[in-house]
Amino acid sequence: MLHRRWFPDHIDGDLVVLRRHTRENLRDFLRWYQDPEVARLTRYQDGPMRPDEIERFFMMRAIGPESMAMGIHVKETGRLIGTCAFSQLDGDNGSALYHITIGEHDAWGRGYGGEATRLMVDHALGTLGLHRVALSVFAFNERAIRAYLRVGFVIEGRSREAIWRDGRWWDELHLSVLESDWRAARWQERAIADGRAAPADGGPLVSHPASGGPVGPRGGA
């Protein structure tokens, strides 16, 4: 079983709180992953997941003994709006793969996904001492890509024409953020806050961007 420090009971942000999933959250997973628009952004397969697939996914990846998933709750109301997780943890090389899905349509474009991603990256690279966090995203999910870039991810490659959507082929982009990138960005943020440096291009170096929809491919968490 994972050490408790991997995921405490909660991680607090300004907009959202990340909490460990409970069995009651299955009903939300069933609704999210049967939504055609969520499926379009999160799955290679053409169409939503079946209820039995969702239940197996939830039991293994959201509340299983080795799961590294957190529910995304709106801080002001406590409402569950999505899920985020790490998978493929490689302790020898200090790396993990990140996933996130914002399942509630009315929560899209409000900055929740960006802040949840920022909290998870801070936890992985700061608290846990990992070296690298990676993710993949379909090229048509442009708002998600912008959000990842603002958090500090860098596009490092692509799988060309990896998915057929909307009558054409699309690339799948591969992004990562390294501990050295993350530490440099945090230092510059502190310098800007202290007045020792000017924001890049007259704007904030790193912000909590709007996710614009479910962020992250392949079934979300």
Protein backbone atom coordinates (compact mmCIF):
# COMPACT_ATOMS: atom_id res chain seq x y z
CA MET A 1 0.00 0.00 0.00
CA LEU A 2 1.20 3.49 -0.76
CA HIS A 3 2.75 5.49 2.04
CA ARG A 4 0.34 8.02 3.54
CA ARG A 5 2.52 10.92 2.44
CA TRP A 6 1.78 10.17 -1.21
CA PHE A 7 -1.68 11.59 -0.77
CA PRO A 8 -2.84 13.14 2.49
CA ASP A 9 -6.56 13.42 3.17
CA HIS A 10 -6.67 16.72 1.29
CA ILE A 11 -4.56 19.25 -0.63
CA ASP A 12 -5.98 22.77 -0.49
CA GLY A 13 -5.87 25.43 -3.20
CA ASP A 14 -7.59 28.77 -3.65
CA LEU A 15 -10.36 27.42 -5.91
CA VAL A 16 -10.36 23.68 -5.29
CA VAL A 17 -9.62 21.09 -2.66
CA LEU A 18 -8.25 17.68 -3.66
CA ARG A 19 -9.56 14.80 -1.54
CA ARG A 20 -9.19 11.03 -1.67
CA HIS A 21 -12.09 9.35 -3.44
CA THR A 22 -14.82 7.50 -1.57
CA ARG A 23 -17.15 4.76 -2.86
CA GLU A 24 -19.96 7.31 -3.15
CA ASN A 25 -18.06 9.00 -5.97
CA LEU A 26 -18.78 6.09 -8.31
CA ARG A 27 -22.12 7.62 -9.30
CA ASP A 28 -20.31 10.71 -10.56
CA PHE A 29 -17.78 8.60 -12.48
CA LEU A 30 -20.66 6.74 -14.15
CA ARG A 31 -22.17 10.01 -15.30
CA TRP A 32 -18.90 11.60 -16.42
CA TYR A 33 -17.49 8.73 -18.42
CA GLN A 34 -20.75 8.01 -20.20
CA ASP A 35 -20.84 11.61 -21.42
CA PRO A 36 -19.97 11.72 -25.16
CA GLU A 37 -18.09 15.02 -24.87
CA VAL A 38 -15.95 13.75 -21.98
CA ALA A 39 -15.30 10.58 -23.99
CA ARG A 40 -14.25 12.65 -27.01
CA LEU A 41 -11.53 14.37 -25.01
CA THR A 42 -10.38 11.48 -22.86
CA ARG A 43 -10.63 8.23 -24.84
CA TYR A 44 -8.99 6.69 -27.87
CA GLN A 45 -12.14 4.68 -28.44
CA ASP A 46 -15.00 6.31 -30.33
CA GLY A 47 -17.70 6.52 -27.69
CA PRO A 48 -18.29 6.55 -23.94
CA MET A 49 -17.26 3.79 -21.56
CA ARG A 50 -19.72 1.07 -20.59
CA PRO A 51 -20.97 1.11 -16.97
CA ASP A 52 -19.11 -2.12 -16.14
CA GLU A 53 -15.88 -0.63 -17.55
CA ILE A 54 -16.34 2.50 -15.49
CA GLU A 55 -16.93 0.53 -12.31
CA ARG A 56 -13.78 -1.56 -12.82
CA PHE A 57 -11.81 1.59 -13.63
CA PHE A 58 -13.12 3.31 -10.50
CA MET A 59 -12.38 0.38 -8.18
CA MET A 60 -8.83 -0.07 -9.49
CA ARG A 61 -7.73 3.47 -10.26
CA ALA A 62 -9.73 5.68 -7.89
CA ILE A 63 -10.04 3.77 -4.61
CA GLY A 64 -7.80 0.73 -5.03
CA PRO A 65 -5.06 0.14 -2.43
CA GLU A 66 -2.37 1.28 -4.88
CA SER A 67 -4.38 4.15 -6.38
CA MET A 68 -2.92 7.64 -6.50
CA ALA A 69 -6.12 9.49 -7.39
CA MET A 70 -7.81 12.52 -5.86
CA GLY A 71 -11.28 13.96 -6.30
CA ILE A 72 -11.43 17.63 -7.34
CA HIS A 73 -13.89 19.57 -5.16
CA VAL A 74 -14.91 23.21 -5.49
CA LYS A 75 -13.52 24.80 -2.34
CA GLU A 76 -16.47 27.12 -1.78
CA THR A 77 -19.19 24.44 -1.99
CA GLY A 78 -17.45 21.09 -1.61
CA ARG A 79 -18.98 19.88 -4.88
CA LEU A 80 -17.12 17.07 -6.66
CA ILE A 81 -16.40 18.13 -10.26
CA GLY A 82 -13.60 15.87 -11.45
CA THR A 83 -10.68 13.60 -10.73
CA CYS A 84 -6.90 13.69 -11.10
CA ALA A 85 -4.25 11.04 -10.61
CA PHE A 86 -0.73 9.76 -11.10
CA SER A 87 0.02 6.44 -12.76
CA GLN A 88 3.12 4.56 -13.95
CA LEU A 89 5.12 5.67 -10.94
CA ASP A 90 8.81 4.90 -11.48
CA GLY A 91 10.53 5.29 -8.15
CA ASP A 92 13.97 4.48 -9.51
CA ASN A 93 13.81 7.34 -11.99
CA GLY A 94 11.52 9.69 -10.06
CA SER A 95 8.81 9.96 -12.69
CA ALA A 96 5.03 9.65 -12.95
CA LEU A 97 2.30 10.09 -15.56
CA TYR A 98 -0.45 12.62 -14.80
CA HIS A 99 -4.16 12.44 -15.70
CA ILE A 100 -7.09 14.78 -15.05
CA THR A 101 -10.75 14.93 -16.02
CA ILE A 102 -13.19 17.73 -15.20
CA GLY A 103 -16.48 15.88 -15.62
CA GLU A 104 -19.02 18.60 -14.88
CA HIS A 105 -19.72 20.79 -17.92
CA ASP A 106 -20.62 23.86 -15.88
CA ALA A 107 -17.21 23.66 -14.17
CA TRP A 108 -15.31 24.03 -17.45
CA GLY A 109 -13.48 27.26 -18.14
CA ARG A 110 -13.39 28.40 -14.51
CA GLY A 111 -9.79 27.63 -13.61
CA TYR A 112 -10.49 24.51 -11.59
CA GLY A 113 -8.53 22.13 -13.82
CA GLY A 114 -5.53 24.43 -13.98
CA GLU A 115 -5.32 24.82 -10.23
CA ALA A 116 -5.80 21.09 -9.61
CA THR A 117 -2.94 20.38 -12.02
CA ARG A 118 -0.76 22.95 -10.32
CA LEU A 119 -1.47 21.43 -6.89
CA MET A 120 -0.62 17.94 -8.12
CA VAL A 121 2.61 19.07 -9.78
CA ASP A 122 3.64 20.99 -6.67
CA HIS A 123 2.92 17.90 -4.56
CA ALA A 124 4.86 15.56 -6.86
CA LEU A 125 7.95 17.71 -7.42
CA GLY A 126 7.98 19.56 -4.11
CA THR A 127 6.61 17.31 -1.38
CA LEU A 128 7.40 13.89 -2.88
CA GLY A 129 10.66 14.87 -4.52
CA LEU A 130 9.96 13.37 -7.93
CA HIS A 131 12.09 14.47 -10.88
CA ARG A 132 9.59 14.46 -13.77
CA VAL A 133 5.84 14.53 -14.34
CA ALA A 134 4.59 13.71 -17.85
CA LEU A 135 1.24 13.63 -19.63
CA SER A 136 -0.30 13.14 -23.06
CA VAL A 137 -3.11 15.12 -24.65
CA PHE A 138 -4.89 15.09 -28.00
CA ALA A 139 -3.94 18.01 -30.25
CA PHE A 140 -7.56 19.16 -30.67
CA ASN A 141 -7.83 19.80 -26.92
CA GLU A 142 -6.29 23.26 -27.36
CA ARG A 143 -7.56 24.80 -24.13
CA ALA A 144 -6.10 21.96 -22.11
CA ILE A 145 -2.75 22.37 -23.85
CA ARG A 146 -2.69 26.09 -23.02
CA ALA A 147 -3.49 25.27 -19.40
CA TYR A 148 -0.68 22.73 -19.15
CA LEU A 149 1.81 25.18 -20.65
CA ARG A 150 0.84 27.83 -18.10
CA VAL A 151 1.37 25.40 -15.26
CA GLY A 152 4.88 24.76 -16.59
CA PHE A 153 4.69 21.73 -18.85
CA VAL A 154 6.81 21.68 -22.00
CA ILE A 155 5.88 19.94 -25.26
CA GLU A 156 8.61 17.35 -25.81
CA GLY A 157 7.21 15.30 -28.69
CA ARG A 158 4.19 13.99 -30.52
CA SER A 159 2.71 10.80 -31.90
CA ARG A 160 1.69 11.77 -35.40
CA GLU A 161 -1.91 11.13 -36.48
CA ALA A 162 -2.52 8.91 -33.46
CA ILE A 163 -6.28 9.36 -33.22
CA TRP A 164 -9.22 9.72 -35.63
CA ARG A 165 -11.70 12.36 -34.49
CA ASP A 166 -14.20 14.64 -36.22
CA GLY A 167 -13.46 13.20 -39.64
CA ARG A 168 -9.68 13.64 -39.61
CA TRP A 169 -6.45 12.43 -38.03
CA TRP A 170 -4.95 14.26 -35.04
CA ASP A 171 -1.59 14.09 -33.29
CA GLU A 172 -1.18 13.18 -29.65
CA LEU A 173 1.17 15.58 -27.83
CA HIS A 174 3.53 14.52 -25.06
CA LEU A 175 4.43 17.06 -22.37
CA SER A 176 6.49 17.04 -19.21
CA VAL A 177 7.68 19.28 -16.41
CA LEU A 178 11.00 18.66 -14.68
CA GLU A 179 11.88 19.44 -11.09
CA SER A 180 14.48 21.95 -12.29
CA ASP A 181 11.87 23.74 -14.45
CA TRP A 182 9.41 23.77 -11.57
CA ARG A 183 11.95 25.09 -9.06
CA ALA A 184 13.08 27.87 -11.42
CA ALA A 185 9.47 28.93 -12.04
CA ARG A 186 8.71 29.02 -8.31
CA TRP A 187 11.83 31.12 -7.71
CA GLN A 188 10.80 33.60 -10.41
CA GLU A 189 7.27 33.80 -9.00
CA ARG A 190 8.70 34.71 -5.60
CA ALA A 191 10.98 37.27 -7.23
CA ILE A 192 8.03 38.86 -9.03
CA ALA A 193 5.99 38.91 -5.83
CA ASP A 194 8.89 40.56 -3.99
CA GLY A 195 9.42 43.11 -6.76
CA ARG A 196 12.85 41.69 -7.68
CA ALA A 197 11.76 40.70 -11.21
CA ALA A 198 9.20 41.83 -13.78
CA PRO A 199 6.53 39.51 -15.14
CA ALA A 200 7.34 38.06 -18.55
CA ASP A 201 5.68 39.99 -21.41
CA GLY A 202 3.96 42.22 -18.90
CA GLY A 203 1.76 39.40 -17.60
CA PRO A 204 1.91 36.69 -14.96
CA LEU A 205 4.61 34.07 -15.40
CA VAL A 206 2.40 31.27 -14.11
CA SER A 207 -1.32 31.50 -13.46
CA HIS A 208 -4.21 29.24 -12.57
CA PRO A 209 -5.69 28.90 -16.06
CA ALA A 210 -9.17 27.86 -17.07
CA SER A 211 -9.20 24.25 -18.19
CA GLY A 212 -11.87 24.82 -20.81
CA GLY A 213 -13.06 21.25 -20.50
CA PRO A 214 -11.86 17.84 -19.38
CA VAL A 215 -8.09 17.91 -19.38
CA GLY A 216 -6.06 14.84 -20.23
CA PRO A 217 -6.58 11.80 -22.43
CA ARG A 218 -7.12 8.10 -21.96
CA GLY A 219 -9.94 7.88 -19.48
CA GLY A 220 -8.94 10.73 -17.22
CA ALA A 221 -7.72 9.59 -13.81
